N, C-alpha and C. Protein backbone atom coordinates (compact mmCIF):
# COMPACT_ATOMS: atom_id res chain seq x y z
N MET A 1 0.85 -1.17 0.00
CA MET A 1 0.00 0.00 0.00
C MET A 1 0.90 1.24 0.00
N PRO A 2 0.64 2.18 -0.91
CA PRO A 2 1.46 3.40 -0.97
C PRO A 2 1.35 4.25 0.29
N ILE A 3 2.38 5.02 0.52
CA ILE A 3 2.43 5.95 1.65
C ILE A 3 2.57 7.36 1.10
N LEU A 4 1.71 8.26 1.57
CA LEU A 4 1.88 9.68 1.28
C LEU A 4 2.59 10.27 2.48
N ARG A 5 3.81 10.74 2.26
CA ARG A 5 4.59 11.41 3.30
C ARG A 5 4.72 12.87 2.91
N GLY A 6 4.80 13.70 3.91
CA GLY A 6 4.96 15.11 3.60
C GLY A 6 5.41 15.91 4.80
N ARG A 7 5.65 17.16 4.52
CA ARG A 7 6.03 18.12 5.55
C ARG A 7 5.26 19.40 5.27
N VAL A 8 4.67 19.97 6.32
CA VAL A 8 3.93 21.23 6.21
C VAL A 8 4.76 22.29 6.89
N VAL A 9 5.08 23.35 6.13
CA VAL A 9 5.94 24.41 6.66
C VAL A 9 5.28 25.78 6.50
N ASP A 10 5.71 26.71 7.34
CA ASP A 10 5.30 28.10 7.21
C ASP A 10 6.00 28.68 5.99
N ARG A 11 5.23 29.27 5.10
CA ARG A 11 5.78 29.79 3.84
C ARG A 11 6.86 30.85 4.06
N ASP A 12 6.71 31.66 5.09
CA ASP A 12 7.65 32.75 5.31
C ASP A 12 8.90 32.34 6.09
N THR A 13 8.74 31.45 7.05
CA THR A 13 9.88 31.09 7.90
C THR A 13 10.54 29.77 7.51
N GLY A 14 9.79 28.90 6.81
CA GLY A 14 10.32 27.59 6.45
C GLY A 14 10.28 26.59 7.59
N ARG A 15 9.74 26.99 8.73
CA ARG A 15 9.67 26.10 9.89
C ARG A 15 8.47 25.16 9.76
N GLY A 16 8.66 23.92 10.22
CA GLY A 16 7.57 22.95 10.23
C GLY A 16 6.45 23.41 11.14
N ILE A 17 5.22 23.08 10.77
CA ILE A 17 4.05 23.45 11.57
C ILE A 17 3.53 22.19 12.25
N ALA A 18 3.59 22.18 13.55
CA ALA A 18 3.22 21.00 14.34
C ALA A 18 1.72 20.92 14.60
N PHE A 19 1.24 19.69 14.72
CA PHE A 19 -0.10 19.37 15.21
C PHE A 19 -1.25 19.88 14.34
N LEU A 20 -1.03 19.94 13.03
CA LEU A 20 -2.11 20.24 12.10
C LEU A 20 -2.81 18.94 11.72
N VAL A 21 -4.11 19.00 11.50
CA VAL A 21 -4.84 17.82 11.03
C VAL A 21 -4.71 17.76 9.51
N VAL A 22 -4.29 16.60 9.03
CA VAL A 22 -4.13 16.34 7.59
C VAL A 22 -5.15 15.27 7.23
N ALA A 23 -6.03 15.55 6.25
CA ALA A 23 -7.07 14.61 5.86
C ALA A 23 -6.91 14.20 4.40
N LEU A 24 -7.06 12.92 4.16
CA LEU A 24 -6.98 12.37 2.81
C LEU A 24 -8.24 11.51 2.63
N ASN A 25 -9.29 12.12 2.03
CA ASN A 25 -10.57 11.43 1.83
C ASN A 25 -11.05 10.69 3.08
N GLY A 26 -11.07 11.36 4.19
CA GLY A 26 -11.60 10.76 5.40
C GLY A 26 -10.56 10.11 6.30
N LYS A 27 -9.41 9.75 5.76
CA LYS A 27 -8.31 9.25 6.61
C LYS A 27 -7.61 10.48 7.18
N THR A 28 -7.39 10.49 8.48
CA THR A 28 -6.74 11.66 9.08
C THR A 28 -5.53 11.27 9.90
N THR A 29 -4.63 12.22 9.98
CA THR A 29 -3.46 12.12 10.83
C THR A 29 -3.11 13.54 11.23
N SER A 30 -2.06 13.71 12.00
CA SER A 30 -1.62 15.07 12.33
C SER A 30 -0.12 15.17 12.12
N THR A 31 0.32 16.39 11.94
CA THR A 31 1.75 16.61 11.76
C THR A 31 2.45 16.47 13.10
N ASP A 32 3.69 16.02 13.04
CA ASP A 32 4.49 15.86 14.26
C ASP A 32 5.16 17.20 14.60
N PRO A 33 5.99 17.27 15.62
CA PRO A 33 6.61 18.55 16.00
C PRO A 33 7.47 19.19 14.89
N ARG A 34 7.90 18.41 13.91
CA ARG A 34 8.68 18.96 12.78
C ARG A 34 7.80 19.31 11.59
N GLY A 35 6.48 19.07 11.71
CA GLY A 35 5.56 19.36 10.61
C GLY A 35 5.42 18.20 9.64
N GLU A 36 5.93 17.03 9.98
CA GLU A 36 5.90 15.89 9.07
C GLU A 36 4.70 14.99 9.36
N PHE A 37 4.23 14.29 8.30
CA PHE A 37 3.10 13.38 8.44
C PHE A 37 3.26 12.24 7.45
N GLU A 38 2.47 11.16 7.68
CA GLU A 38 2.37 10.10 6.69
C GLU A 38 1.00 9.44 6.81
N ILE A 39 0.48 9.06 5.64
CA ILE A 39 -0.82 8.40 5.54
C ILE A 39 -0.69 7.25 4.56
N PHE A 40 -1.15 6.07 4.94
CA PHE A 40 -1.19 4.91 4.06
C PHE A 40 -2.55 4.89 3.36
N ALA A 41 -2.56 4.62 2.06
CA ALA A 41 -3.82 4.54 1.32
C ALA A 41 -3.62 3.67 0.08
N PRO A 42 -4.66 2.96 -0.34
CA PRO A 42 -4.55 2.19 -1.58
C PRO A 42 -4.33 3.13 -2.76
N PRO A 43 -3.79 2.63 -3.86
CA PRO A 43 -3.63 3.48 -5.04
C PRO A 43 -4.96 4.11 -5.43
N GLY A 44 -4.89 5.36 -5.88
CA GLY A 44 -6.10 6.06 -6.30
C GLY A 44 -5.89 7.56 -6.30
N THR A 45 -6.98 8.27 -6.57
CA THR A 45 -6.96 9.73 -6.59
C THR A 45 -7.71 10.21 -5.36
N TYR A 46 -7.09 11.14 -4.64
CA TYR A 46 -7.62 11.61 -3.37
C TYR A 46 -7.60 13.13 -3.30
N THR A 47 -8.38 13.65 -2.36
CA THR A 47 -8.32 15.07 -2.04
C THR A 47 -7.63 15.22 -0.69
N LEU A 48 -6.53 15.96 -0.69
CA LEU A 48 -5.76 16.23 0.52
C LEU A 48 -6.21 17.58 1.06
N ARG A 49 -6.55 17.61 2.36
CA ARG A 49 -7.00 18.87 2.98
C ARG A 49 -6.24 19.09 4.29
N ILE A 50 -5.88 20.36 4.49
CA ILE A 50 -5.24 20.77 5.75
C ILE A 50 -5.95 22.05 6.19
N ARG A 51 -6.36 22.07 7.43
CA ARG A 51 -7.06 23.23 7.98
C ARG A 51 -6.39 23.65 9.29
N SER A 52 -6.33 24.96 9.49
CA SER A 52 -5.77 25.52 10.72
C SER A 52 -6.40 26.89 10.93
N PRO A 53 -6.68 27.26 12.18
CA PRO A 53 -7.22 28.60 12.41
C PRO A 53 -6.19 29.71 12.16
N PHE A 54 -4.91 29.34 12.02
CA PHE A 54 -3.86 30.34 11.87
C PHE A 54 -3.27 30.42 10.46
N TYR A 55 -3.65 29.50 9.58
CA TYR A 55 -3.09 29.44 8.23
C TYR A 55 -4.21 29.32 7.20
N GLU A 56 -3.92 29.73 5.97
CA GLU A 56 -4.89 29.57 4.89
C GLU A 56 -5.19 28.09 4.70
N PRO A 57 -6.45 27.76 4.37
CA PRO A 57 -6.77 26.36 4.12
C PRO A 57 -6.04 25.85 2.88
N TYR A 58 -5.78 24.57 2.87
CA TYR A 58 -5.04 23.95 1.76
C TYR A 58 -5.84 22.75 1.25
N THR A 59 -6.07 22.70 -0.05
CA THR A 59 -6.74 21.58 -0.70
C THR A 59 -5.99 21.27 -1.98
N ARG A 60 -5.75 19.97 -2.21
CA ARG A 60 -5.03 19.57 -3.42
C ARG A 60 -5.45 18.15 -3.80
N GLU A 61 -5.63 17.93 -5.07
CA GLU A 61 -5.89 16.58 -5.57
C GLU A 61 -4.56 15.84 -5.70
N ILE A 62 -4.52 14.61 -5.19
CA ILE A 62 -3.30 13.81 -5.19
C ILE A 62 -3.60 12.47 -5.87
N GLU A 63 -2.79 12.11 -6.84
CA GLU A 63 -2.88 10.77 -7.42
C GLU A 63 -1.79 9.94 -6.77
N LEU A 64 -2.21 8.94 -6.02
CA LEU A 64 -1.29 8.12 -5.25
C LEU A 64 -1.17 6.74 -5.93
N ARG A 65 -0.03 6.49 -6.53
CA ARG A 65 0.22 5.20 -7.19
C ARG A 65 1.39 4.46 -6.53
N GLU A 66 2.29 5.25 -5.95
CA GLU A 66 3.47 4.71 -5.28
C GLU A 66 3.79 5.64 -4.12
N ASP A 67 4.76 5.28 -3.30
CA ASP A 67 5.15 6.15 -2.19
C ASP A 67 5.47 7.54 -2.73
N THR A 68 4.92 8.55 -2.08
CA THR A 68 5.03 9.92 -2.57
C THR A 68 5.40 10.84 -1.41
N TYR A 69 6.25 11.85 -1.69
CA TYR A 69 6.62 12.85 -0.70
C TYR A 69 6.27 14.23 -1.25
N ILE A 70 5.63 15.05 -0.42
CA ILE A 70 5.32 16.43 -0.83
C ILE A 70 5.69 17.38 0.30
N GLU A 71 6.05 18.61 -0.06
CA GLU A 71 6.23 19.67 0.92
C GLU A 71 5.16 20.71 0.65
N ILE A 72 4.46 21.10 1.69
CA ILE A 72 3.36 22.04 1.57
C ILE A 72 3.73 23.31 2.34
N LYS A 73 3.63 24.44 1.65
CA LYS A 73 3.95 25.73 2.27
C LYS A 73 2.65 26.49 2.50
N LEU A 74 2.36 26.79 3.78
CA LEU A 74 1.14 27.51 4.12
C LEU A 74 1.46 28.94 4.52
N ARG A 75 0.54 29.83 4.15
CA ARG A 75 0.68 31.24 4.52
C ARG A 75 -0.13 31.53 5.77
N ARG A 76 0.52 32.14 6.73
CA ARG A 76 -0.11 32.48 8.01
C ARG A 76 -1.13 33.59 7.79
N THR A 77 -2.30 33.45 8.41
CA THR A 77 -3.34 34.48 8.28
C THR A 77 -3.50 35.31 9.54
N ILE A 78 -3.10 34.74 10.70
CA ILE A 78 -3.18 35.44 11.99
C ILE A 78 -1.78 35.51 12.58
N LEU A 79 -1.36 36.69 12.94
CA LEU A 79 -0.02 36.86 13.51
C LEU A 79 0.00 36.71 15.00
């Protein structure tokens, strides 16, 4: 089963954002203290969503066929 691995960072500072909820078509996980996450899912096309009260929402379609790594840069909305 493929693994989607990634890191969510602040667009301006480059620092990882901890404890964000990451959802992939109903499967959820959260980022660790470095902003990293991983989700196992069968091959297919999914919608990846990340929400935070302090950052712009993020939505992206992901085609998962093999292990994949992505870096996501979020823009802070509340200082």
